[in-house]
PDB file of N, CA and C in Angstrom:
ATOM      1  N   MET A   1      -8.923   4.051   1.308  1.00  0.00           N
ATOM      2  CA  MET A   1      -7.023   2.849   1.590  1.00  0.00           C
ATOM      3  C   MET A   1      -7.837   2.414   0.315  1.00  0.00           C
ATOM      4  N   LYS A   2      -8.654   2.430  -0.407  1.00  0.00           N
ATOM      5  CA  LYS A   2      -8.421   2.547  -1.850  1.00  0.00           C
ATOM      6  C   LYS A   2      -7.741   3.536  -3.013  1.00  0.00           C
ATOM      7  N   THR A   3      -7.657   4.376  -2.359  1.00  0.00           N
ATOM      8  CA  THR A   3      -7.133   5.785  -3.045  1.00  0.00           C
ATOM      9  C   THR A   3      -5.385   5.699  -2.873  1.00  0.00           C
ATOM     10  N   ALA A   4      -5.174   5.085  -1.172  1.00  0.00           N
ATOM     11  CA  ALA A   4      -3.600   5.723  -1.516  1.00  0.00           C
ATOM     12  C   ALA A   4      -3.006   3.981  -2.426  1.00  0.00           C
ATOM     13  N   MET A   5      -3.720   2.812  -1.985  1.00  0.00           N
ATOM     14  CA  MET A   5      -2.663   1.677  -2.556  1.00  0.00           C
ATOM     15  C   MET A   5      -3.020   1.905  -4.062  1.00  0.00           C
ATOM     16  N   ARG A   6      -4.152   2.897  -4.575  1.00  0.00           N
ATOM     17  CA  ARG A   6      -3.909   3.223  -6.443  1.00  0.00           C
ATOM     18  C   ARG A   6      -3.354   3.925  -6.282  1.00  0.00           C
ATOM     19  N   SER A   7      -3.283   5.146  -5.730  1.00  0.00           N
ATOM     20  CA  SER A   7      -1.815   6.230  -6.016  1.00  0.00           C
ATOM     21  C   SER A   7      -0.157   5.260  -6.010  1.00  0.00           C
ATOM     22  N   LEU A   8      -0.312   4.442  -4.581  1.00  0.00           N
ATOM     23  CA  LEU A   8       0.814   3.467  -4.841  1.00  0.00           C
ATOM     24  C   LEU A   8       1.284   3.111  -5.868  1.00  0.00           C
ATOM     25  N   ILE A   9       0.228   2.698  -6.029  1.00  0.00           N
ATOM     26  CA  ILE A   9       0.536   1.380  -8.014  1.00  0.00           C
ATOM     27  C   ILE A   9       0.935   2.707  -9.207  1.00  0.00           C
ATOM     28  N   ASP A  10       0.424   3.415  -9.218  1.00  0.00           N
ATOM     29  CA  ASP A  10       1.061   4.425 -10.859  1.00  0.00           C
ATOM     30  C   ASP A  10       1.928   4.607 -10.102  1.00  0.00           C
ATOM     31  N   LEU A  11       2.143   4.988  -9.076  1.00  0.00           N
ATOM     32  CA  LEU A  11       3.480   5.632  -8.926  1.00  0.00           C
ATOM     33  C   LEU A  11       4.896   4.795  -9.214  1.00  0.00           C
ATOM     34  N   VAL A  12       4.434   3.194  -9.083  1.00  0.00           N
ATOM     35  CA  VAL A  12       5.027   1.732  -9.202  1.00  0.00           C
ATOM     36  C   VAL A  12       4.871   2.161 -11.175  1.00  0.00           C
ATOM     37  N   LYS A  13       3.959   1.791 -11.466  1.00  0.00           N
ATOM     38  CA  LYS A  13       3.885   1.813 -12.806  1.00  0.00           C
ATOM     39  C   LYS A  13       5.134   3.554 -13.897  1.00  0.00           C
ATOM     40  N   ALA A  14       4.974   4.064 -12.384  1.00  0.00           N
ATOM     41  CA  ALA A  14       5.166   4.900 -13.595  1.00  0.00           C
ATOM     42  C   ALA A  14       6.608   5.353 -13.068  1.00  0.00           C
ATOM     43  N   ASN A  15       7.560   4.338 -12.601  1.00  0.00           N
ATOM     44  CA  ASN A  15       8.450   4.430 -11.936  1.00  0.00           C
ATOM     45  C   ASN A  15       9.226   5.142 -11.297  1.00  0.00           C
ATOM     46  N   LYS A  16       8.297   5.842 -10.770  1.00  0.00           N
ATOM     47  CA  LYS A  16       8.895   7.108  -9.419  1.00  0.00           C
ATOM     48  C   LYS A  16       8.923   5.670  -8.109  1.00  0.00           C
ATOM     49  N   ILE A  17      10.123   5.485  -8.123  1.00  0.00           N
ATOM     50  CA  ILE A  17      10.419   5.089  -7.387  1.00  0.00           C
ATOM     51  C   ILE A  17      10.570   5.598  -5.748  1.00  0.00           C
ATOM     52  N   ALA A  18      11.059   6.605  -5.772  1.00  0.00           N
ATOM     53  CA  ALA A  18      11.320   7.487  -5.165  1.00  0.00           C
ATOM     54  C   ALA A  18      10.229   7.862  -3.919  1.00  0.00           C
ATOM     55  N   GLU A  19       8.713   7.832  -5.138  1.00  0.00           N
ATOM     56  CA  GLU A  19       8.630   8.614  -4.466  1.00  0.00           C
ATOM     57  C   GLU A  19       6.713   7.293  -3.913  1.00  0.00           C
ATOM     58  N   ALA A  20       7.682   6.316  -4.328  1.00  0.00           N
ATOM     59  CA  ALA A  20       6.638   5.478  -4.076  1.00  0.00           C
ATOM     60  C   ALA A  20       7.165   4.799  -2.912  1.00  0.00           C
ATOM     61  N   LYS A  21       8.559   4.729  -2.429  1.00  0.00           N
ATOM     62  CA  LYS A  21       8.892   4.435  -1.175  1.00  0.00           C
ATOM     63  C   LYS A  21       8.116   5.851   0.031  1.00  0.00           C
ATOM     64  N   LYS A  22       8.719   6.946  -0.517  1.00  0.00           N
ATOM     65  CA  LYS A  22       8.072   7.893   0.834  1.00  0.00           C
ATOM     66  C   LYS A  22       5.859   7.466   0.814  1.00  0.00           C
ATOM     67  N   MET A  23       5.288   7.199   0.322  1.00  0.00           N
ATOM     68  CA  MET A  23       4.004   7.189   0.350  1.00  0.00           C
ATOM     69  C   MET A  23       3.541   5.700   0.758  1.00  0.00           C
ATOM     70  N   LEU A  24       4.902   4.418   1.389  1.00  0.00           N
ATOM     71  CA  LEU A  24       4.740   3.406   1.176  1.00  0.00           C
ATOM     72  C   LEU A  24       3.857   3.172   3.010  1.00  0.00           C
ATOM     73  N   PRO A  25       4.569   3.670   3.762  1.00  0.00           N
ATOM     74  CA  PRO A  25       3.956   4.704   4.994  1.00  0.00           C
ATOM     75  C   PRO A  25       2.756   4.949   4.982  1.00  0.00           C
ATOM     76  N   ALA A  26       2.237   6.040   4.547  1.00  0.00           N
ATOM     77  CA  ALA A  26       0.791   6.198   4.193  1.00  0.00           C
ATOM     78  C   ALA A  26      -0.108   5.655   4.291  1.00  0.00           C
ATOM     79  N   ALA A  27       0.085   4.360   2.890  1.00  0.00           N
ATOM     80  CA  ALA A  27      -0.715   3.031   2.826  1.00  0.00           C
ATOM     81  C   ALA A  27      -0.655   2.124   3.430  1.00  0.00           C
ATOM     82  N   TYR A  28       0.305   1.968   3.370  1.00  0.00           N
ATOM     83  CA  TYR A  28       0.443   1.117   5.660  1.00  0.00           C
ATOM     84  C   TYR A  28      -0.714   1.487   6.442  1.00  0.00           C
ATOM     85  N   LYS A  29      -0.600   3.024   6.806  1.00  0.00           N
ATOM     86  CA  LYS A  29      -1.044   3.579   7.378  1.00  0.00           C
ATOM     87  C   LYS A  29      -3.058   3.117   7.670  1.00  0.00           C
ATOM     88  N   ALA A  30      -3.356   3.207   5.873  1.00  0.00           N
ATOM     89  CA  ALA A  30      -5.134   3.357   5.580  1.00  0.00           C
ATOM     90  C   ALA A  30      -5.508   2.184   5.928  1.00  0.00           C
ATOM     91  N   ILE A  31      -4.083   0.796   5.437  1.00  0.00           N
ATOM     92  CA  ILE A  31      -4.558  -0.957   5.035  1.00  0.00           C
ATOM     93  C   ILE A  31      -5.003  -0.665   6.436  1.00  0.00           C
ATOM     94  N   ASP A  32      -3.876  -0.515   7.842  1.00  0.00           N
ATOM     95  CA  ASP A  32      -4.018  -1.050   8.540  1.00  0.00           C
ATOM     96  C   ASP A  32      -5.629   0.121   9.858  1.00  0.00           C
ATOM     97  N   THR A  33      -5.461   1.133   9.538  1.00  0.00           N
ATOM     98  CA  THR A  33      -7.327   2.183  10.147  1.00  0.00           C
ATOM     99  C   THR A  33      -8.281   1.087   9.546  1.00  0.00           C
ATOM    100  N   ALA A  34      -8.485   0.272   8.239  1.00  0.00           N
ATOM    101  CA  ALA A  34      -9.440  -0.494   8.469  1.00  0.00           C
ATOM    102  C   ALA A  34      -9.530  -1.767   8.591  1.00  0.00           C
ATOM    103  N   ALA A  35      -8.400  -2.187   8.737  1.00  0.00           N
ATOM    104  CA  ALA A  35      -7.958  -3.264   9.726  1.00  0.00           C
ATOM    105  C   ALA A  35      -8.372  -3.551  10.604  1.00  0.00           C
ATOM    106  N   LYS A  36      -8.400  -2.377  11.511  1.00  0.00           N
ATOM    107  CA  LYS A  36      -8.988  -1.123  12.867  1.00  0.00           C
ATOM    108  C   LYS A  36      -9.971  -1.107  13.630  1.00  0.00           C
ATOM    109  N   LYS A  37     -10.819  -1.178  12.461  1.00  0.00           N
ATOM    110  CA  LYS A  37     -11.600  -1.293  12.099  1.00  0.00           C
ATOM    111  C   LYS A  37     -12.938  -1.853  11.581  1.00  0.00           C
ATOM    112  N   ASN A  38     -12.500  -2.502  11.747  1.00  0.00           N
ATOM    113  CA  ASN A  38     -12.837  -3.776  11.250  1.00  0.00           C
ATOM    114  C   ASN A  38     -13.572  -3.876   9.462  1.00  0.00           C
ATOM    115  N   ILE A  39     -13.425  -3.407   8.697  1.00  0.00           N
ATOM    116  CA  ILE A  39     -13.404  -2.733   6.715  1.00  0.00           C
ATOM    117  C   ILE A  39     -13.567  -3.829   6.545  1.00  0.00           C
ATOM    118  N   ILE A  40     -12.006  -4.406   6.669  1.00  0.00           N
ATOM    119  CA  ILE A  40     -11.682  -5.395   6.239  1.00  0.00           C
ATOM    120  C   ILE A  40     -10.482  -6.622   6.995  1.00  0.00           C
ATOM    121  N   HIS A  41     -10.752  -7.640   7.226  1.00  0.00           N
ATOM    122  CA  HIS A  41      -9.745  -8.567   8.506  1.00  0.00           C
ATOM    123  C   HIS A  41      -8.246  -8.137   7.612  1.00  0.00           C
ATOM    124  N   ARG A  42      -7.583  -8.504   8.754  1.00  0.00           N
ATOM    125  CA  ARG A  42      -6.046  -8.112   8.880  1.00  0.00           C
ATOM    126  C   ARG A  42      -5.390  -9.444   8.880  1.00  0.00           C
ATOM    127  N   ASN A  43      -5.964 -10.750   7.660  1.00  0.00           N
ATOM    128  CA  ASN A  43      -5.183 -11.345   7.050  1.00  0.00           C
ATOM    129  C   ASN A  43      -5.391 -10.709   5.982  1.00  0.00           C
ATOM    130  N   ASN A  44      -6.387 -10.014   4.625  1.00  0.00           N
ATOM    131  CA  ASN A  44      -6.327  -9.306   4.471  1.00  0.00           C
ATOM    132  C   ASN A  44      -5.374  -7.859   3.467  1.00  0.00           C
ATOM    133  N   ALA A  45      -6.176  -6.850   5.220  1.00  0.00           N
ATOM    134  CA  ALA A  45      -4.496  -6.255   5.171  1.00  0.00           C
ATOM    135  C   ALA A  45      -3.410  -6.715   5.445  1.00  0.00           C
ATOM    136  N   GLY A  46      -2.907  -7.822   6.191  1.00  0.00           N
ATOM    137  CA  GLY A  46      -1.651  -8.408   5.435  1.00  0.00           C
ATOM    138  C   GLY A  46      -1.400  -8.612   4.235  1.00  0.00           C
ATOM    139  N   ARG A  47      -2.232  -9.300   3.554  1.00  0.00           N
ATOM    140  CA  ARG A  47      -2.445  -9.337   2.094  1.00  0.00           C
ATOM    141  C   ARG A  47      -2.238  -8.876   0.972  1.00  0.00           C
ATOM    142  N   LYS A  48      -2.910  -7.035   1.495  1.00  0.00           N
ATOM    143  CA  LYS A  48      -2.071  -5.829   0.952  1.00  0.00           C
ATOM    144  C   LYS A  48      -1.492  -6.086   0.814  1.00  0.00           C
ATOM    145  N   LYS A  49      -0.263  -5.646   2.733  1.00  0.00           N
ATOM    146  CA  LYS A  49       0.784  -4.628   2.334  1.00  0.00           C
ATOM    147  C   LYS A  49       1.720  -5.089   1.646  1.00  0.00           C
ATOM    148  N   SER A  50       1.841  -6.488   2.585  1.00  0.00           N
ATOM    149  CA  SER A  50       2.865  -7.513   1.566  1.00  0.00           C
ATOM    150  C   SER A  50       3.185  -7.224  -0.566  1.00  0.00           C
ATOM    151  N   LEU A  51       1.682  -6.855  -0.891  1.00  0.00           N
ATOM    152  CA  LEU A  51       1.441  -6.699  -2.305  1.00  0.00           C
ATOM    153  C   LEU A  51       2.324  -5.932  -2.572  1.00  0.00           C
ATOM    154  N   LEU A  52       2.470  -4.429  -1.374  1.00  0.00           N
ATOM    155  CA  LEU A  52       2.475  -3.357  -2.119  1.00  0.00           C
ATOM    156  C   LEU A  52       4.512  -2.865  -1.933  1.00  0.00           C
ATOM    157  N   ALA A  53       4.240  -3.842  -0.806  1.00  0.00           N
ATOM    158  CA  ALA A  53       5.974  -3.409  -0.760  1.00  0.00           C
ATOM    159  C   ALA A  53       6.933  -4.634  -1.390  1.00  0.00           C
ATOM    160  N   ARG A  54       6.065  -5.783  -2.077  1.00  0.00           N
ATOM    161  CA  ARG A  54       6.620  -6.838  -3.270  1.00  0.00           C
ATOM    162  C   ARG A  54       7.007  -5.636  -4.495  1.00  0.00           C
ATOM    163  N   MET A  55       5.825  -4.382  -4.957  1.00  0.00           N
ATOM    164  CA  MET A  55       5.491  -3.758  -6.128  1.00  0.00           C
ATOM    165  C   MET A  55       6.812  -3.140  -5.648  1.00  0.00           C
ATOM    166  N   VAL A  56       6.347  -2.522  -4.384  1.00  0.00           N
ATOM    167  CA  VAL A  56       8.040  -1.538  -4.250  1.00  0.00           C
ATOM    168  C   VAL A  56       9.224  -2.303  -4.448  1.00  0.00           C
ATOM    169  N   ALA A  57       9.663  -2.960  -3.792  1.00  0.00           N
ATOM    170  CA  ALA A  57      10.902  -3.810  -3.905  1.00  0.00           C
ATOM    171  C   ALA A  57      11.154  -4.376  -5.225  1.00  0.00           C
ATOM    172  N   GLY A  58       9.963  -5.010  -5.763  1.00  0.00           N
ATOM    173  CA  GLY A  58      10.687  -5.399  -7.108  1.00  0.00           C
ATOM    174  C   GLY A  58      10.831  -4.698  -7.938  1.00  0.00           C
ATOM    175  N   ALA A  59      10.192  -2.832  -8.052  1.00  0.00           N
ATOM    176  CA  ALA A  59      10.732  -2.489  -8.987  1.00  0.00           C
ATOM    177  C   ALA A  59      11.276  -1.954  -9.542  1.00  0.00           C
TER     178      ALA A  59
END
């Protein structure tokens, strides 16, 4: 999960928005899987997904 998030953040910082949009569903899946397995709380998962969506949309 952390690897997927970090690579997505790096893509946004590098201004590779098209690649970031393609990677967003994979990051969502990793976050949802972590929440489903009770590694993180579901609200924390929602916050992380919202953060990533805002980063991609705002870039």
